[in-house]
């Protein structure tokens, strides 16, 4: 005698991609260009040339895109920018927006 039970699953599961978030640095009149580049290299793992390009975008356009991340990673990076900026006495701010 067999006790096997066969179950048929007819529903298809829809898997949604997690939302992605753009992280931006915002321009201010006090944070130095060198500090902004340093943040981009340390927090966002950018090369010096990538960091310089983003820093110029922040300076010229008011904000610059640093990367696109999951919610958890984006919010962590925003917090890291705030912490580093406060430690150095700069008002540099990062924001995140849903992609």
N, C-alpha and C. Protein backbone atom coordinates (compact mmCIF):
# COMPACT_ATOMS: atom_id res chain seq x y z
N UNK A 1 0.83 -1.18 0.00
CA UNK A 1 0.00 0.00 0.00
C UNK A 1 0.88 1.25 0.00
N UNK A 2 0.56 2.17 -0.87
CA UNK A 2 1.36 3.37 -1.00
C UNK A 2 0.65 4.56 -0.37
N UNK A 3 1.40 5.35 0.36
CA UNK A 3 0.85 6.54 0.99
C UNK A 3 1.24 7.83 0.26
N UNK A 4 1.60 7.71 -0.99
CA UNK A 4 2.01 8.89 -1.74
C UNK A 4 0.81 9.76 -2.07
N UNK A 5 1.00 11.04 -1.94
CA UNK A 5 -0.06 12.00 -2.27
C UNK A 5 0.48 12.90 -3.37
N UNK A 6 -0.30 13.04 -4.39
CA UNK A 6 0.12 13.90 -5.49
C UNK A 6 -0.66 15.21 -5.39
N UNK A 7 0.06 16.32 -5.40
CA UNK A 7 -0.58 17.63 -5.33
C UNK A 7 -0.22 18.39 -6.59
N UNK A 8 -1.23 18.92 -7.21
CA UNK A 8 -0.99 19.71 -8.41
C UNK A 8 -1.22 21.18 -8.07
N UNK A 9 -0.23 21.98 -8.37
CA UNK A 9 -0.36 23.42 -8.11
C UNK A 9 -0.63 24.09 -9.44
N UNK A 10 -1.79 24.69 -9.53
CA UNK A 10 -2.17 25.29 -10.80
C UNK A 10 -1.92 26.79 -10.85
N UNK A 11 -1.74 27.41 -9.69
CA UNK A 11 -1.51 28.86 -9.69
C UNK A 11 -0.08 29.15 -10.09
N UNK A 12 0.07 30.15 -10.91
CA UNK A 12 1.42 30.59 -11.24
C UNK A 12 1.78 31.73 -10.32
N UNK A 13 2.93 31.64 -9.72
CA UNK A 13 3.38 32.71 -8.84
C UNK A 13 4.02 33.81 -9.65
N UNK A 14 3.58 35.03 -9.39
CA UNK A 14 4.20 36.16 -10.06
C UNK A 14 5.27 36.73 -9.15
N UNK A 15 6.46 36.77 -9.65
CA UNK A 15 7.57 37.30 -8.87
C UNK A 15 7.85 38.71 -9.36
N UNK A 16 7.74 39.66 -8.42
CA UNK A 16 8.00 41.05 -8.79
C UNK A 16 9.44 41.38 -8.49
N UNK A 17 10.02 42.16 -9.39
CA UNK A 17 11.36 42.66 -9.14
C UNK A 17 11.26 43.66 -7.99
N UNK A 18 12.24 43.66 -7.09
CA UNK A 18 12.18 44.66 -6.02
C UNK A 18 12.36 46.06 -6.60
N UNK A 19 11.73 47.02 -5.96
CA UNK A 19 11.87 48.40 -6.43
C UNK A 19 13.32 48.84 -6.30
N UNK A 20 13.72 49.71 -7.20
CA UNK A 20 15.09 50.22 -7.20
C UNK A 20 15.03 51.71 -6.89
N UNK A 21 16.08 52.20 -6.28
CA UNK A 21 16.11 53.60 -5.84
C UNK A 21 17.37 54.29 -6.34
N UNK A 22 17.17 55.48 -6.91
CA UNK A 22 18.28 56.33 -7.32
C UNK A 22 18.77 57.08 -6.09
N UNK A 23 20.08 57.10 -5.90
CA UNK A 23 20.66 57.88 -4.80
C UNK A 23 21.40 59.07 -5.42
N UNK A 24 21.04 60.26 -4.96
CA UNK A 24 21.61 61.50 -5.46
C UNK A 24 22.37 62.22 -4.35
N UNK A 25 23.45 62.91 -4.72
CA UNK A 25 24.07 63.88 -3.83
C UNK A 25 23.53 65.25 -4.24
N UNK A 26 23.27 66.09 -3.25
CA UNK A 26 22.73 67.42 -3.51
C UNK A 26 23.81 68.48 -3.30
N UNK A 27 23.77 69.50 -4.14
CA UNK A 27 24.75 70.58 -4.06
C UNK A 27 24.51 71.44 -2.83
N UNK A 28 25.60 71.94 -2.27
CA UNK A 28 25.53 72.96 -1.23
C UNK A 28 26.72 73.89 -1.43
N UNK A 29 26.74 75.00 -0.71
CA UNK A 29 27.80 75.99 -0.91
C UNK A 29 29.01 75.78 -0.01
N UNK A 30 29.03 74.71 0.77
CA UNK A 30 30.08 74.55 1.77
C UNK A 30 30.94 73.31 1.60
N UNK A 31 30.36 72.20 1.18
CA UNK A 31 31.14 70.97 1.03
C UNK A 31 32.17 71.16 -0.08
N UNK A 32 33.41 70.79 0.21
CA UNK A 32 34.46 70.97 -0.80
C UNK A 32 34.35 69.91 -1.88
N UNK A 33 34.87 70.24 -3.05
CA UNK A 33 34.86 69.29 -4.16
C UNK A 33 35.66 68.04 -3.78
N UNK A 34 36.77 68.23 -3.08
CA UNK A 34 37.59 67.08 -2.65
C UNK A 34 36.81 66.17 -1.71
N UNK A 35 36.03 66.76 -0.79
CA UNK A 35 35.25 65.95 0.13
C UNK A 35 34.18 65.15 -0.62
N UNK A 36 33.51 65.80 -1.58
CA UNK A 36 32.48 65.12 -2.36
C UNK A 36 33.09 63.95 -3.13
N UNK A 37 34.24 64.16 -3.74
CA UNK A 37 34.93 63.09 -4.46
C UNK A 37 35.29 61.95 -3.49
N UNK A 38 35.77 62.31 -2.31
CA UNK A 38 36.13 61.31 -1.30
C UNK A 38 34.91 60.47 -0.91
N UNK A 39 33.76 61.10 -0.72
CA UNK A 39 32.52 60.39 -0.38
C UNK A 39 32.13 59.45 -1.52
N UNK A 40 32.22 59.91 -2.74
CA UNK A 40 31.85 59.09 -3.89
C UNK A 40 32.75 57.86 -4.02
N UNK A 41 34.02 58.02 -3.70
CA UNK A 41 34.96 56.90 -3.77
C UNK A 41 34.71 55.93 -2.61
N UNK A 42 34.55 56.45 -1.40
CA UNK A 42 34.42 55.59 -0.22
C UNK A 42 33.03 54.95 -0.09
N UNK A 43 31.99 55.73 -0.25
CA UNK A 43 30.63 55.22 -0.02
C UNK A 43 30.08 54.52 -1.25
N UNK A 44 30.33 55.10 -2.43
CA UNK A 44 29.71 54.58 -3.65
C UNK A 44 30.67 53.78 -4.52
N UNK A 45 31.92 53.61 -4.05
CA UNK A 45 32.91 52.78 -4.74
C UNK A 45 33.17 53.24 -6.19
N UNK A 46 33.20 54.56 -6.39
CA UNK A 46 33.46 55.11 -7.73
C UNK A 46 34.96 55.28 -7.91
N UNK A 47 35.40 55.21 -9.17
CA UNK A 47 36.79 55.53 -9.48
C UNK A 47 36.94 57.05 -9.35
N UNK A 48 38.17 57.52 -9.33
CA UNK A 48 38.40 58.97 -9.23
C UNK A 48 37.75 59.70 -10.40
N UNK A 49 37.89 59.16 -11.61
CA UNK A 49 37.31 59.85 -12.78
C UNK A 49 35.78 59.84 -12.74
N UNK A 50 35.18 58.72 -12.31
CA UNK A 50 33.72 58.68 -12.16
C UNK A 50 33.27 59.68 -11.09
N UNK A 51 34.00 59.71 -9.98
CA UNK A 51 33.66 60.61 -8.87
C UNK A 51 33.76 62.06 -9.30
N UNK A 52 34.78 62.41 -10.08
CA UNK A 52 34.92 63.79 -10.57
C UNK A 52 33.75 64.17 -11.47
N UNK A 53 33.32 63.25 -12.33
CA UNK A 53 32.20 63.53 -13.23
C UNK A 53 30.90 63.73 -12.45
N UNK A 54 30.66 62.90 -11.44
CA UNK A 54 29.44 63.04 -10.62
C UNK A 54 29.51 64.33 -9.81
N UNK A 55 30.69 64.63 -9.24
CA UNK A 55 30.86 65.85 -8.46
C UNK A 55 30.56 67.08 -9.32
N UNK A 56 31.00 67.07 -10.57
CA UNK A 56 30.73 68.21 -11.47
C UNK A 56 29.23 68.30 -11.78
N UNK A 57 28.56 67.17 -11.90
CA UNK A 57 27.12 67.17 -12.10
C UNK A 57 26.41 67.77 -10.89
N UNK A 58 26.85 67.39 -9.70
CA UNK A 58 26.28 67.96 -8.47
C UNK A 58 26.49 69.47 -8.46
N UNK A 59 27.70 69.89 -8.77
CA UNK A 59 28.06 71.31 -8.76
C UNK A 59 27.28 72.11 -9.80
N UNK A 60 27.18 71.57 -11.01
CA UNK A 60 26.56 72.31 -12.12
C UNK A 60 25.04 72.18 -12.20
N UNK A 61 24.51 71.04 -11.77
CA UNK A 61 23.07 70.77 -11.94
C UNK A 61 22.28 70.73 -10.63
N UNK A 62 22.97 70.89 -9.51
CA UNK A 62 22.28 70.87 -8.23
C UNK A 62 22.20 69.50 -7.59
N UNK A 63 22.33 68.44 -8.40
CA UNK A 63 22.38 67.09 -7.86
C UNK A 63 23.04 66.17 -8.87
N UNK A 64 23.53 65.05 -8.38
CA UNK A 64 24.19 64.08 -9.25
C UNK A 64 23.83 62.67 -8.82
N UNK A 65 23.58 61.82 -9.79
CA UNK A 65 23.22 60.42 -9.54
C UNK A 65 24.46 59.62 -9.16
N UNK A 66 24.40 58.99 -7.98
CA UNK A 66 25.53 58.21 -7.48
C UNK A 66 25.38 56.73 -7.76
N UNK A 67 24.14 56.26 -7.92
CA UNK A 67 23.91 54.85 -8.17
C UNK A 67 22.46 54.49 -7.98
N UNK A 68 22.13 53.24 -8.36
CA UNK A 68 20.76 52.73 -8.25
C UNK A 68 20.85 51.44 -7.43
N UNK A 69 20.05 51.36 -6.36
CA UNK A 69 20.19 50.28 -5.40
C UNK A 69 18.82 49.80 -4.91
N UNK A 70 18.83 48.69 -4.21
CA UNK A 70 17.62 48.24 -3.49
C UNK A 70 17.36 49.24 -2.37
N UNK A 71 16.16 49.19 -1.79
CA UNK A 71 15.79 50.14 -0.74
C UNK A 71 16.79 50.11 0.42
N UNK A 72 17.13 48.92 0.89
CA UNK A 72 18.01 48.79 2.05
C UNK A 72 19.39 49.38 1.79
N UNK A 73 19.94 49.07 0.64
CA UNK A 73 21.28 49.57 0.32
C UNK A 73 21.24 51.08 0.10
N UNK A 74 20.22 51.56 -0.61
CA UNK A 74 20.10 53.00 -0.86
C UNK A 74 19.99 53.77 0.45
N UNK A 75 19.15 53.30 1.36
CA UNK A 75 18.98 54.02 2.62
C UNK A 75 20.26 53.97 3.47
N UNK A 76 20.99 52.87 3.39
CA UNK A 76 22.27 52.77 4.10
C UNK A 76 23.27 53.78 3.55
N UNK A 77 23.33 53.92 2.23
CA UNK A 77 24.27 54.86 1.61
C UNK A 77 23.91 56.30 1.97
N UNK A 78 22.62 56.63 1.99
CA UNK A 78 22.19 57.97 2.39
C UNK A 78 22.66 58.25 3.83
N UNK A 79 22.49 57.28 4.71
CA UNK A 79 22.92 57.43 6.11
C UNK A 79 24.44 57.57 6.22
N UNK A 80 25.18 56.80 5.42
CA UNK A 80 26.65 56.87 5.44
C UNK A 80 27.13 58.26 5.01
N UNK A 81 26.49 58.83 3.99
CA UNK A 81 26.86 60.18 3.53
C UNK A 81 26.63 61.18 4.66
N UNK A 82 25.47 61.08 5.30
CA UNK A 82 25.14 62.00 6.39
C UNK A 82 26.17 61.90 7.52
N UNK A 83 26.52 60.68 7.90
CA UNK A 83 27.47 60.46 8.98
C UNK A 83 28.84 61.04 8.64
N UNK A 84 29.35 60.72 7.44
CA UNK A 84 30.66 61.24 7.02
C UNK A 84 30.66 62.75 6.97
N UNK A 85 29.59 63.33 6.42
CA UNK A 85 29.51 64.79 6.28
C UNK A 85 29.51 65.46 7.65
N UNK A 86 28.74 64.92 8.59
CA UNK A 86 28.68 65.52 9.93
C UNK A 86 30.02 65.41 10.64
N UNK A 87 30.71 64.26 10.44
CA UNK A 87 32.03 64.08 11.07
C UNK A 87 33.02 65.13 10.59
N UNK A 88 32.89 65.53 9.32
CA UNK A 88 33.83 66.49 8.73
C UNK A 88 33.29 67.92 8.79
N UNK A 89 32.08 68.10 9.32
CA UNK A 89 31.52 69.44 9.45
C UNK A 89 30.94 70.01 8.18
N UNK A 90 30.52 69.13 7.25
CA UNK A 90 29.93 69.59 6.00
C UNK A 90 28.42 69.29 5.99
N UNK A 91 27.64 70.12 5.27
CA UNK A 91 26.19 69.87 5.18
C UNK A 91 25.80 68.98 4.00
N UNK A 92 26.75 68.28 3.40
CA UNK A 92 26.46 67.44 2.23
C UNK A 92 25.30 66.50 2.53
N UNK A 93 24.37 66.41 1.58
CA UNK A 93 23.18 65.59 1.78
C UNK A 93 22.97 64.68 0.58
N UNK A 94 22.54 63.44 0.88
CA UNK A 94 22.15 62.49 -0.16
C UNK A 94 20.67 62.21 0.00
N UNK A 95 20.01 61.97 -1.13
CA UNK A 95 18.59 61.61 -1.11
C UNK A 95 18.39 60.36 -1.96
N UNK A 96 17.25 59.70 -1.75
CA UNK A 96 16.91 58.55 -2.59
C UNK A 96 15.51 58.74 -3.13
N UNK A 97 15.33 58.36 -4.39
CA UNK A 97 14.04 58.47 -5.06
C UNK A 97 13.77 57.16 -5.76
N UNK A 98 12.52 56.72 -5.73
CA UNK A 98 12.16 55.50 -6.42
C UNK A 98 12.44 55.68 -7.91
N UNK A 99 13.04 54.66 -8.51
CA UNK A 99 13.42 54.73 -9.93
C UNK A 99 12.21 54.82 -10.83
